[in-house]
Amino acid sequence: MKTYVFKVVIEEDPFEDGRMAYFASVPALPGCHTWAYTKEELLRNIQEAVQVYIESLIAHGEIG
């Protein structure tokens, strides 16, 4: 199994009514991003998003 390390950019993304939310993206993986209400949830979400993204690249033969 290969291990990959990616930079994750996390930004606060408040709603108009003041409730806080967070947005995360992975610059090296175009289109790989997610959001959540808490940082803890955000970290779980972005880890899952990266995993699915990489699995898709492997399934399509873009990486081995």
C-alpha atoms as a PDB file:
ATOM      1  CA  MET A   1       0.000   0.000   0.000  1.00  0.00           C
ATOM      2  CA  LYS A   2       1.293   3.441  -0.933  1.00  0.00           C
ATOM      3  CA  THR A   3       1.118   6.413   1.367  1.00  0.00           C
ATOM      4  CA  TYR A   4       0.346   9.850   0.005  1.00  0.00           C
ATOM      5  CA  VAL A   5       0.707  13.172   1.805  1.00  0.00           C
ATOM      6  CA  PHE A   6      -1.304  16.162   0.601  1.00  0.00           C
ATOM      7  CA  LYS A   7      -1.520  19.773   1.714  1.00  0.00           C
ATOM      8  CA  VAL A   8      -5.040  20.625   2.903  1.00  0.00           C
ATOM      9  CA  VAL A   9      -6.238  24.236   2.948  1.00  0.00           C
ATOM     10  CA  ILE A  10      -8.844  24.973   5.627  1.00  0.00           C
ATOM     11  CA  GLU A  11     -10.893  28.159   5.680  1.00  0.00           C
ATOM     12  CA  GLU A  12     -13.627  29.480   7.920  1.00  0.00           C
ATOM     13  CA  ASP A  13     -16.839  29.757   5.905  1.00  0.00           C
ATOM     14  CA  PRO A  14     -19.539  31.419   8.029  1.00  0.00           C
ATOM     15  CA  PHE A  15     -23.175  31.443   7.026  1.00  0.00           C
ATOM     16  CA  GLU A  16     -24.943  34.771   6.545  1.00  0.00           C
ATOM     17  CA  ASP A  17     -26.720  34.278   9.892  1.00  0.00           C
ATOM     18  CA  GLY A  18     -23.380  34.012  11.736  1.00  0.00           C
ATOM     19  CA  ARG A  19     -23.255  30.249  12.222  1.00  0.00           C
ATOM     20  CA  MET A  20     -19.745  28.968  11.588  1.00  0.00           C
ATOM     21  CA  ALA A  21     -18.811  26.382   9.002  1.00  0.00           C
ATOM     22  CA  TYR A  22     -15.497  25.300   7.526  1.00  0.00           C
ATOM     23  CA  PHE A  23     -14.301  24.586   3.989  1.00  0.00           C
ATOM     24  CA  ALA A  24     -11.333  22.368   3.058  1.00  0.00           C
ATOM     25  CA  SER A  25      -9.650  21.772  -0.274  1.00  0.00           C
ATOM     26  CA  VAL A  26      -6.637  19.860  -1.566  1.00  0.00           C
ATOM     27  CA  PRO A  27      -4.808  22.023  -4.130  1.00  0.00           C
ATOM     28  CA  ALA A  28      -2.990  19.035  -5.671  1.00  0.00           C
ATOM     29  CA  LEU A  29      -6.308  17.292  -6.393  1.00  0.00           C
ATOM     30  CA  PRO A  30      -8.508  19.615  -8.490  1.00  0.00           C
ATOM     31  CA  GLY A  31     -12.123  19.490  -7.374  1.00  0.00           C
ATOM     32  CA  CYS A  32     -11.326  17.691  -4.109  1.00  0.00           C
ATOM     33  CA  HIS A  33     -13.046  19.750  -1.427  1.00  0.00           C
ATOM     34  CA  THR A  34     -15.669  19.532   1.296  1.00  0.00           C
ATOM     35  CA  TRP A  35     -17.257  21.500   4.120  1.00  0.00           C
ATOM     36  CA  ALA A  36     -18.573  20.870   7.635  1.00  0.00           C
ATOM     37  CA  TYR A  37     -19.958  22.593  10.722  1.00  0.00           C
ATOM     38  CA  THR A  38     -16.971  21.616  12.931  1.00  0.00           C
ATOM     39  CA  LYS A  39     -13.238  21.231  12.331  1.00  0.00           C
ATOM     40  CA  GLU A  40     -13.377  17.652  13.568  1.00  0.00           C
ATOM     41  CA  GLU A  41     -16.094  16.750  11.055  1.00  0.00           C
ATOM     42  CA  LEU A  42     -14.197  18.654   8.354  1.00  0.00           C
ATOM     43  CA  LEU A  43     -11.036  16.609   8.889  1.00  0.00           C
ATOM     44  CA  ARG A  44     -13.003  13.357   8.618  1.00  0.00           C
ATOM     45  CA  ASN A  45     -14.762  14.609   5.491  1.00  0.00           C
ATOM     46  CA  ILE A  46     -11.599  15.728   3.696  1.00  0.00           C
ATOM     47  CA  GLN A  47      -9.825  12.471   4.525  1.00  0.00           C
ATOM     48  CA  GLU A  48     -12.738  10.562   2.992  1.00  0.00           C
ATOM     49  CA  ALA A  49     -12.816  12.891  -0.038  1.00  0.00           C
ATOM     50  CA  VAL A  50      -9.101  12.321  -0.689  1.00  0.00           C
ATOM     51  CA  GLN A  51      -9.516   8.561  -0.312  1.00  0.00           C
ATOM     52  CA  VAL A  52     -12.394   8.460  -2.811  1.00  0.00           C
ATOM     53  CA  TYR A  53     -10.505  10.746  -5.202  1.00  0.00           C
ATOM     54  CA  ILE A  54      -7.388   8.526  -5.136  1.00  0.00           C
ATOM     55  CA  GLU A  55      -9.475   5.348  -5.494  1.00  0.00           C
ATOM     56  CA  SER A  56     -11.078   6.889  -8.583  1.00  0.00           C
ATOM     57  CA  LEU A  57      -7.680   7.735 -10.082  1.00  0.00           C
ATOM     58  CA  ILE A  58      -6.522   4.156  -9.506  1.00  0.00           C
ATOM     59  CA  ALA A  59      -9.745   2.689 -10.945  1.00  0.00           C
ATOM     60  CA  HIS A  60      -9.304   4.777 -14.094  1.00  0.00           C
ATOM     61  CA  GLY A  61      -5.642   3.778 -14.463  1.00  0.00           C
ATOM     62  CA  GLU A  62      -4.344   7.305 -13.903  1.00  0.00           C
ATOM     63  CA  ILE A  63      -2.048   6.218 -11.060  1.00  0.00           C
ATOM     64  CA  GLY A  64      -0.843   2.820  -9.925  1.00  0.00           C
END
